[in-house]
């Protein structure tokens, strides 16, 4: 049974290219990347939400948008299969 899935890369940095290349070669959807960031660690240590920062807010907004689009497409495919 083929179960649809996608990838979200956490703590991405310049070495993440290898993951992206693999996903592309296997036709695996990457819905986003959360960057490896000292700023994120400092925010966590202060008990702050990353979405309080405009840069991270945009990153998470894009991830949510891509995830929503991916799930919607899957629901459409499943609906067609179940007819």
PDB file of N, CA and C in Angstrom:
ATOM      1  N   UNK A   1       0.842  -1.178   0.000  1.00  0.00           N
ATOM      2  CA  UNK A   1       0.000   0.000   0.000  1.00  0.00           C
ATOM      3  C   UNK A   1       0.889   1.245   0.000  1.00  0.00           C
ATOM      4  N   UNK A   2       0.615   2.151  -0.898  1.00  0.00           N
ATOM      5  CA  UNK A   2       1.390   3.389  -0.952  1.00  0.00           C
ATOM      6  C   UNK A   2       0.675   4.452  -0.133  1.00  0.00           C
ATOM      7  N   UNK A   3       1.340   4.917   0.899  1.00  0.00           N
ATOM      8  CA  UNK A   3       0.773   5.947   1.762  1.00  0.00           C
ATOM      9  C   UNK A   3       1.411   7.283   1.393  1.00  0.00           C
ATOM     10  N   UNK A   4       0.604   8.264   0.994  1.00  0.00           N
ATOM     11  CA  UNK A   4       1.158   9.572   0.628  1.00  0.00           C
ATOM     12  C   UNK A   4       1.813  10.254   1.826  1.00  0.00           C
ATOM     13  N   UNK A   5       2.885  10.958   1.578  1.00  0.00           N
ATOM     14  CA  UNK A   5       3.572  11.688   2.638  1.00  0.00           C
ATOM     15  C   UNK A   5       4.354  12.837   2.035  1.00  0.00           C
ATOM     16  N   UNK A   6       4.825  13.697   2.892  1.00  0.00           N
ATOM     17  CA  UNK A   6       5.694  14.796   2.486  1.00  0.00           C
ATOM     18  C   UNK A   6       6.733  14.985   3.582  1.00  0.00           C
ATOM     19  N   UNK A   7       7.685  15.878   3.331  1.00  0.00           N
ATOM     20  CA  UNK A   7       8.797  16.086   4.255  1.00  0.00           C
ATOM     21  C   UNK A   7       8.850  17.542   4.696  1.00  0.00           C
ATOM     22  N   UNK A   8       9.090  17.742   5.981  1.00  0.00           N
ATOM     23  CA  UNK A   8       9.374  19.054   6.549  1.00  0.00           C
ATOM     24  C   UNK A   8      10.766  18.955   7.155  1.00  0.00           C
ATOM     25  N   UNK A   9      11.678  19.787   6.692  1.00  0.00           N
ATOM     26  CA  UNK A   9      13.062  19.722   7.162  1.00  0.00           C
ATOM     27  C   UNK A   9      13.243  20.677   8.329  1.00  0.00           C
ATOM     28  N   UNK A  10      13.615  20.127   9.470  1.00  0.00           N
ATOM     29  CA  UNK A  10      13.867  20.921  10.672  1.00  0.00           C
ATOM     30  C   UNK A  10      15.370  21.164  10.804  1.00  0.00           C
ATOM     31  N   UNK A  11      15.713  22.334  11.338  1.00  0.00           N
ATOM     32  CA  UNK A  11      17.113  22.711  11.561  1.00  0.00           C
ATOM     33  C   UNK A  11      17.915  22.668  10.259  1.00  0.00           C
ATOM     34  N   UNK A  12      17.328  23.216   9.202  1.00  0.00           N
ATOM     35  CA  UNK A  12      18.011  23.204   7.908  1.00  0.00           C
ATOM     36  C   UNK A  12      19.175  24.186   7.894  1.00  0.00           C
ATOM     37  N   UNK A  13      20.187  23.821   7.147  1.00  0.00           N
ATOM     38  CA  UNK A  13      21.351  24.672   6.940  1.00  0.00           C
ATOM     39  C   UNK A  13      21.936  24.332   5.572  1.00  0.00           C
ATOM     40  N   UNK A  14      23.163  24.755   5.308  1.00  0.00           N
ATOM     41  CA  UNK A  14      23.742  24.522   3.988  1.00  0.00           C
ATOM     42  C   UNK A  14      23.905  23.034   3.653  1.00  0.00           C
ATOM     43  N   UNK A  15      23.948  22.169   4.651  1.00  0.00           N
ATOM     44  CA  UNK A  15      24.087  20.734   4.381  1.00  0.00           C
ATOM     45  C   UNK A  15      22.753  20.082   4.009  1.00  0.00           C
ATOM     46  N   UNK A  16      21.683  20.826   4.075  1.00  0.00           N
ATOM     47  CA  UNK A  16      20.356  20.299   3.775  1.00  0.00           C
ATOM     48  C   UNK A  16      20.170  20.016   2.286  1.00  0.00           C
ATOM     49  N   UNK A  17      21.024  20.563   1.458  1.00  0.00           N
ATOM     50  CA  UNK A  17      20.920  20.360   0.006  1.00  0.00           C
ATOM     51  C   UNK A  17      20.832  18.869  -0.341  1.00  0.00           C
ATOM     52  N   UNK A  18      21.564  18.050   0.406  1.00  0.00           N
ATOM     53  CA  UNK A  18      21.560  16.613   0.164  1.00  0.00           C
ATOM     54  C   UNK A  18      20.149  16.037   0.362  1.00  0.00           C
ATOM     55  N   UNK A  19      19.442  16.495   1.375  1.00  0.00           N
ATOM     56  CA  UNK A  19      18.080  16.024   1.638  1.00  0.00           C
ATOM     57  C   UNK A  19      17.155  16.469   0.512  1.00  0.00           C
ATOM     58  N   UNK A  20      17.266  17.736   0.127  1.00  0.00           N
ATOM     59  CA  UNK A  20      16.449  18.247  -0.970  1.00  0.00           C
ATOM     60  C   UNK A  20      16.705  17.484  -2.262  1.00  0.00           C
ATOM     61  N   UNK A  21      17.970  17.215  -2.562  1.00  0.00           N
ATOM     62  CA  UNK A  21      18.313  16.467  -3.773  1.00  0.00           C
ATOM     63  C   UNK A  21      17.702  15.071  -3.748  1.00  0.00           C
ATOM     64  N   UNK A  22      17.796  14.405  -2.592  1.00  0.00           N
ATOM     65  CA  UNK A  22      17.219  13.060  -2.472  1.00  0.00           C
ATOM     66  C   UNK A  22      15.707  13.111  -2.674  1.00  0.00           C
ATOM     67  N   UNK A  23      15.047  14.041  -1.992  1.00  0.00           N
ATOM     68  CA  UNK A  23      13.590  14.148  -2.112  1.00  0.00           C
ATOM     69  C   UNK A  23      13.184  14.416  -3.556  1.00  0.00           C
ATOM     70  N   UNK A  24      13.916  15.294  -4.210  1.00  0.00           N
ATOM     71  CA  UNK A  24      13.615  15.594  -5.616  1.00  0.00           C
ATOM     72  C   UNK A  24      13.795  14.355  -6.487  1.00  0.00           C
ATOM     73  N   UNK A  25      14.871  13.604  -6.268  1.00  0.00           N
ATOM     74  CA  UNK A  25      15.135  12.418  -7.088  1.00  0.00           C
ATOM     75  C   UNK A  25      14.090  11.323  -6.869  1.00  0.00           C
ATOM     76  N   UNK A  26      13.448  11.324  -5.708  1.00  0.00           N
ATOM     77  CA  UNK A  26      12.434  10.314  -5.379  1.00  0.00           C
ATOM     78  C   UNK A  26      11.006  10.854  -5.513  1.00  0.00           C
ATOM     79  N   UNK A  27      10.878  12.074  -6.041  1.00  0.00           N
ATOM     80  CA  UNK A  27       9.574  12.746  -6.201  1.00  0.00           C
ATOM     81  C   UNK A  27       8.832  12.874  -4.877  1.00  0.00           C
ATOM     82  N   UNK A  28       9.577  13.216  -3.838  1.00  0.00           N
ATOM     83  CA  UNK A  28       9.003  13.435  -2.506  1.00  0.00           C
ATOM     84  C   UNK A  28       8.821  14.938  -2.312  1.00  0.00           C
ATOM     85  N   UNK A  29       7.616  15.331  -1.936  1.00  0.00           N
ATOM     86  CA  UNK A  29       7.295  16.742  -1.749  1.00  0.00           C
ATOM     87  C   UNK A  29       7.914  17.265  -0.451  1.00  0.00           C
ATOM     88  N   UNK A  30       8.702  18.336  -0.554  1.00  0.00           N
ATOM     89  CA  UNK A  30       9.230  19.027   0.627  1.00  0.00           C
ATOM     90  C   UNK A  30       8.322  20.236   0.857  1.00  0.00           C
ATOM     91  N   UNK A  31       7.601  20.230   1.991  1.00  0.00           N
ATOM     92  CA  UNK A  31       6.636  21.312   2.223  1.00  0.00           C
ATOM     93  C   UNK A  31       7.271  22.532   2.876  1.00  0.00           C
ATOM     94  N   UNK A  32       8.509  22.397   3.352  1.00  0.00           N
ATOM     95  CA  UNK A  32       9.178  23.552   3.922  1.00  0.00           C
ATOM     96  C   UNK A  32      10.415  23.180   4.704  1.00  0.00           C
ATOM     97  N   UNK A  33      11.091  24.230   5.151  1.00  0.00           N
ATOM     98  CA  UNK A  33      12.310  24.069   5.938  1.00  0.00           C
ATOM     99  C   UNK A  33      12.289  25.064   7.091  1.00  0.00           C
ATOM    100  N   UNK A  34      12.597  24.578   8.275  1.00  0.00           N
ATOM    101  CA  UNK A  34      12.768  25.442   9.441  1.00  0.00           C
ATOM    102  C   UNK A  34      14.269  25.592   9.637  1.00  0.00           C
ATOM    103  N   UNK A  35      14.792  26.800   9.517  1.00  0.00           N
ATOM    104  CA  UNK A  35      16.248  26.974   9.557  1.00  0.00           C
ATOM    105  C   UNK A  35      16.854  26.709  10.930  1.00  0.00           C
ATOM    106  N   UNK A  36      18.070  26.181  10.903  1.00  0.00           N
ATOM    107  CA  UNK A  36      18.874  26.063  12.114  1.00  0.00           C
ATOM    108  C   UNK A  36      19.303  27.478  12.467  1.00  0.00           C
ATOM    109  N   UNK A  37      18.961  27.937  13.667  1.00  0.00           N
ATOM    110  CA  UNK A  37      19.142  29.345  13.970  1.00  0.00           C
ATOM    111  C   UNK A  37      19.428  29.585  15.447  1.00  0.00           C
ATOM    112  N   UNK A  38      20.443  30.347  15.705  1.00  0.00           N
ATOM    113  CA  UNK A  38      20.741  30.754  17.086  1.00  0.00           C
ATOM    114  C   UNK A  38      19.594  31.604  17.629  1.00  0.00           C
ATOM    115  N   UNK A  39      19.045  32.435  16.751  1.00  0.00           N
ATOM    116  CA  UNK A  39      17.920  33.289  17.132  1.00  0.00           C
ATOM    117  C   UNK A  39      16.749  32.438  17.647  1.00  0.00           C
ATOM    118  N   UNK A  40      16.468  31.334  16.971  1.00  0.00           N
ATOM    119  CA  UNK A  40      15.388  30.435  17.403  1.00  0.00           C
ATOM    120  C   UNK A  40      15.701  29.861  18.782  1.00  0.00           C
ATOM    121  N   UNK A  41      16.932  29.434  18.992  1.00  0.00           N
ATOM    122  CA  UNK A  41      17.323  28.871  20.288  1.00  0.00           C
ATOM    123  C   UNK A  41      17.183  29.908  21.403  1.00  0.00           C
ATOM    124  N   UNK A  42      17.570  31.131  21.117  1.00  0.00           N
ATOM    125  CA  UNK A  42      17.449  32.194  22.117  1.00  0.00           C
ATOM    126  C   UNK A  42      15.983  32.470  22.441  1.00  0.00           C
ATOM    127  N   UNK A  43      15.143  32.457  21.430  1.00  0.00           N
ATOM    128  CA  UNK A  43      13.717  32.678  21.659  1.00  0.00           C
ATOM    129  C   UNK A  43      13.123  31.553  22.500  1.00  0.00           C
ATOM    130  N   UNK A  44      13.464  30.308  22.154  1.00  0.00           N
ATOM    131  CA  UNK A  44      13.001  29.154  22.938  1.00  0.00           C
ATOM    132  C   UNK A  44      13.422  29.292  24.396  1.00  0.00           C
ATOM    133  N   UNK A  45      14.678  29.682  24.610  1.00  0.00           N
ATOM    134  CA  UNK A  45      15.204  29.762  25.978  1.00  0.00           C
ATOM    135  C   UNK A  45      14.487  30.825  26.802  1.00  0.00           C
ATOM    136  N   UNK A  46      13.876  31.796  26.123  1.00  0.00           N
ATOM    137  CA  UNK A  46      13.122  32.849  26.805  1.00  0.00           C
ATOM    138  C   UNK A  46      11.628  32.521  26.882  1.00  0.00           C
ATOM    139  N   UNK A  47      11.268  31.341  26.379  1.00  0.00           N
ATOM    140  CA  UNK A  47       9.863  30.940  26.409  1.00  0.00           C
ATOM    141  C   UNK A  47       9.008  31.627  25.356  1.00  0.00           C
ATOM    142  N   UNK A  48       9.641  32.161  24.321  1.00  0.00           N
ATOM    143  CA  UNK A  48       8.906  32.863  23.271  1.00  0.00           C
ATOM    144  C   UNK A  48       8.531  31.910  22.147  1.00  0.00           C
ATOM    145  N   UNK A  49       7.446  32.203  21.493  1.00  0.00           N
ATOM    146  CA  UNK A  49       7.025  31.440  20.318  1.00  0.00           C
ATOM    147  C   UNK A  49       7.762  31.993  19.101  1.00  0.00           C
ATOM    148  N   UNK A  50       8.210  31.115  18.233  1.00  0.00           N
ATOM    149  CA  UNK A  50       8.927  31.568  17.044  1.00  0.00           C
ATOM    150  C   UNK A  50       8.039  32.427  16.145  1.00  0.00           C
ATOM    151  N   UNK A  51       6.744  32.212  16.206  1.00  0.00           N
ATOM    152  CA  UNK A  51       5.838  32.994  15.367  1.00  0.00           C
ATOM    153  C   UNK A  51       5.738  34.447  15.822  1.00  0.00           C
ATOM    154  N   UNK A  52       6.352  34.780  16.964  1.00  0.00           N
ATOM    155  CA  UNK A  52       6.392  36.176  17.404  1.00  0.00           C
ATOM    156  C   UNK A  52       7.414  36.974  16.599  1.00  0.00           C
ATOM    157  N   UNK A  53       8.276  36.277  15.877  1.00  0.00           N
ATOM    158  CA  UNK A  53       9.279  36.912  15.022  1.00  0.00           C
ATOM    159  C   UNK A  53       8.764  36.897  13.591  1.00  0.00           C
ATOM    160  N   UNK A  54       8.811  38.025  12.914  1.00  0.00           N
ATOM    161  CA  UNK A  54       8.240  38.143  11.566  1.00  0.00           C
ATOM    162  C   UNK A  54       8.876  37.160  10.579  1.00  0.00           C
ATOM    163  N   UNK A  55      10.182  36.938  10.686  1.00  0.00           N
ATOM    164  CA  UNK A  55      10.863  35.997   9.785  1.00  0.00           C
ATOM    165  C   UNK A  55      10.324  34.582   9.962  1.00  0.00           C
ATOM    166  N   UNK A  56      10.228  34.138  11.215  1.00  0.00           N
ATOM    167  CA  UNK A  56       9.729  32.789  11.481  1.00  0.00           C
ATOM    168  C   UNK A  56       8.233  32.687  11.210  1.00  0.00           C
ATOM    169  N   UNK A  57       7.517  33.759  11.464  1.00  0.00           N
ATOM    170  CA  UNK A  57       6.078  33.761  11.189  1.00  0.00           C
ATOM    171  C   UNK A  57       5.836  33.492   9.710  1.00  0.00           C
ATOM    172  N   UNK A  58       6.621  34.130   8.850  1.00  0.00           N
ATOM    173  CA  UNK A  58       6.488  33.920   7.410  1.00  0.00           C
ATOM    174  C   UNK A  58       6.858  32.488   7.023  1.00  0.00           C
ATOM    175  N   UNK A  59       7.902  31.955   7.631  1.00  0.00           N
ATOM    176  CA  UNK A  59       8.313  30.572   7.358  1.00  0.00           C
ATOM    177  C   UNK A  59       7.186  29.607   7.709  1.00  0.00           C
ATOM    178  N   UNK A  60       6.607  29.762   8.909  1.00  0.00           N
ATOM    179  CA  UNK A  60       5.536  28.860   9.337  1.00  0.00           C
ATOM    180  C   UNK A  60       4.259  29.082   8.520  1.00  0.00           C
ATOM    181  N   UNK A  61       4.008  30.310   8.106  1.00  0.00           N
ATOM    182  CA  UNK A  61       2.857  30.572   7.242  1.00  0.00           C
ATOM    183  C   UNK A  61       3.017  29.819   5.921  1.00  0.00           C
ATOM    184  N   UNK A  62       4.206  29.875   5.335  1.00  0.00           N
ATOM    185  CA  UNK A  62       4.460  29.169   4.075  1.00  0.00           C
ATOM    186  C   UNK A  62       4.359  27.662   4.240  1.00  0.00           C
ATOM    187  N   UNK A  63       4.843  27.149   5.364  1.00  0.00           N
ATOM    188  CA  UNK A  63       4.736  25.707   5.625  1.00  0.00           C
ATOM    189  C   UNK A  63       3.267  25.315   5.735  1.00  0.00           C
ATOM    190  N   UNK A  64       2.482  26.093   6.481  1.00  0.00           N
ATOM    191  CA  UNK A  64       1.056  25.800   6.635  1.00  0.00           C
ATOM    192  C   UNK A  64       0.342  25.845   5.282  1.00  0.00           C
ATOM    193  N   UNK A  65       0.670  26.843   4.468  1.00  0.00           N
ATOM    194  CA  UNK A  65       0.067  26.959   3.141  1.00  0.00           C
ATOM    195  C   UNK A  65       0.399  25.735   2.296  1.00  0.00           C
ATOM    196  N   UNK A  66       1.680  25.352   2.264  1.00  0.00           N
ATOM    197  CA  UNK A  66       2.105  24.189   1.471  1.00  0.00           C
ATOM    198  C   UNK A  66       1.480  22.902   1.984  1.00  0.00           C
ATOM    199  N   UNK A  67       1.396  22.752   3.297  1.00  0.00           N
ATOM    200  CA  UNK A  67       0.779  21.559   3.877  1.00  0.00           C
ATOM    201  C   UNK A  67      -0.703  21.495   3.520  1.00  0.00           C
ATOM    202  N   UNK A  68      -1.377  22.620   3.641  1.00  0.00           N
ATOM    203  CA  UNK A  68      -2.797  22.671   3.300  1.00  0.00           C
ATOM    204  C   UNK A  68      -3.012  22.286   1.842  1.00  0.00           C
ATOM    205  N   UNK A  69      -2.186  22.820   0.963  1.00  0.00           N
ATOM    206  CA  UNK A  69      -2.291  22.518  -0.467  1.00  0.00           C
ATOM    207  C   UNK A  69      -2.025  21.032  -0.725  1.00  0.00           C
ATOM    208  N   UNK A  70      -1.018  20.482  -0.048  1.00  0.00           N
ATOM    209  CA  UNK A  70      -0.666  19.068  -0.217  1.00  0.00           C
ATOM    210  C   UNK A  70      -1.804  18.172   0.279  1.00  0.00           C
ATOM    211  N   UNK A  71      -2.335  18.463   1.448  1.00  0.00           N
ATOM    212  CA  UNK A  71      -3.420  17.654   2.013  1.00  0.00           C
ATOM    213  C   UNK A  71      -4.676  17.765   1.151  1.00  0.00           C
ATOM    214  N   UNK A  72      -4.982  18.958   0.682  1.00  0.00           N
ATOM    215  CA  UNK A  72      -6.158  19.140  -0.183  1.00  0.00           C
ATOM    216  C   UNK A  72      -6.046  18.285  -1.439  1.00  0.00           C
ATOM    217  N   UNK A  73      -4.864  18.244  -2.021  1.00  0.00           N
ATOM    218  CA  UNK A  73      -4.651  17.423  -3.219  1.00  0.00           C
ATOM    219  C   UNK A  73      -4.828  15.945  -2.887  1.00  0.00           C
ATOM    220  N   UNK A  74      -4.347  15.524  -1.729  1.00  0.00           N
ATOM    221  CA  UNK A  74      -4.502  14.118  -1.327  1.00  0.00           C
ATOM    222  C   UNK A  74      -5.959  13.764  -1.099  1.00  0.00           C
ATOM    223  N   UNK A  75      -6.699  14.661  -0.465  1.00  0.00           N
ATOM    224  CA  UNK A  75      -8.125  14.426  -0.209  1.00  0.00           C
ATOM    225  C   UNK A  75      -8.871  14.285  -1.535  1.00  0.00           C
ATOM    226  N   UNK A  76      -8.497  15.108  -2.504  1.00  0.00           N
ATOM    227  CA  UNK A  76      -9.126  15.031  -3.820  1.00  0.00           C
ATOM    228  C   UNK A  76      -8.846  13.688  -4.472  1.00  0.00           C
ATOM    229  N   UNK A  77      -7.609  13.222  -4.397  1.00  0.00           N
ATOM    230  CA  UNK A  77      -7.237  11.924  -4.983  1.00  0.00           C
ATOM    231  C   UNK A  77      -7.971  10.799  -4.276  1.00  0.00           C
ATOM    232  N   UNK A  78      -8.010  10.819  -2.965  1.00  0.00           N
ATOM    233  CA  UNK A  78      -8.705   9.778  -2.198  1.00  0.00           C
ATOM    234  C   UNK A  78     -10.192   9.769  -2.548  1.00  0.00           C
ATOM    235  N   UNK A  79     -10.772  10.956  -2.685  1.00  0.00           N
ATOM    236  CA  UNK A  79     -12.190  11.046  -3.060  1.00  0.00           C
ATOM    237  C   UNK A  79     -12.459  10.400  -4.407  1.00  0.00           C
ATOM    238  N   UNK A  80     -11.559  10.602  -5.364  1.00  0.00           N
ATOM    239  CA  UNK A  80     -11.729   9.998  -6.685  1.00  0.00           C
ATOM    240  C   UNK A  80     -11.590   8.475  -6.616  1.00  0.00           C
ATOM    241  N   UNK A  81     -10.664   7.997  -5.802  1.00  0.00           N
ATOM    242  CA  UNK A  81     -10.455   6.552  -5.666  1.00  0.00           C
ATOM    243  C   UNK A  81     -11.665   5.875  -5.024  1.00  0.00           C
ATOM    244  N   UNK A  82     -12.300   6.561  -4.095  1.00  0.00           N
ATOM    245  CA  UNK A  82     -13.422   5.979  -3.345  1.00  0.00           C
ATOM    246  C   UNK A  82     -14.747   6.030  -4.098  1.00  0.00           C
ATOM    247  N   UNK A  83     -14.797   6.687  -5.246  1.00  0.00           N
ATOM    248  CA  UNK A  83     -16.066   6.784  -6.005  1.00  0.00           C
ATOM    249  C   UNK A  83     -16.435   5.473  -6.610  1.00  0.00           C
TER     250      UNK A  83
END
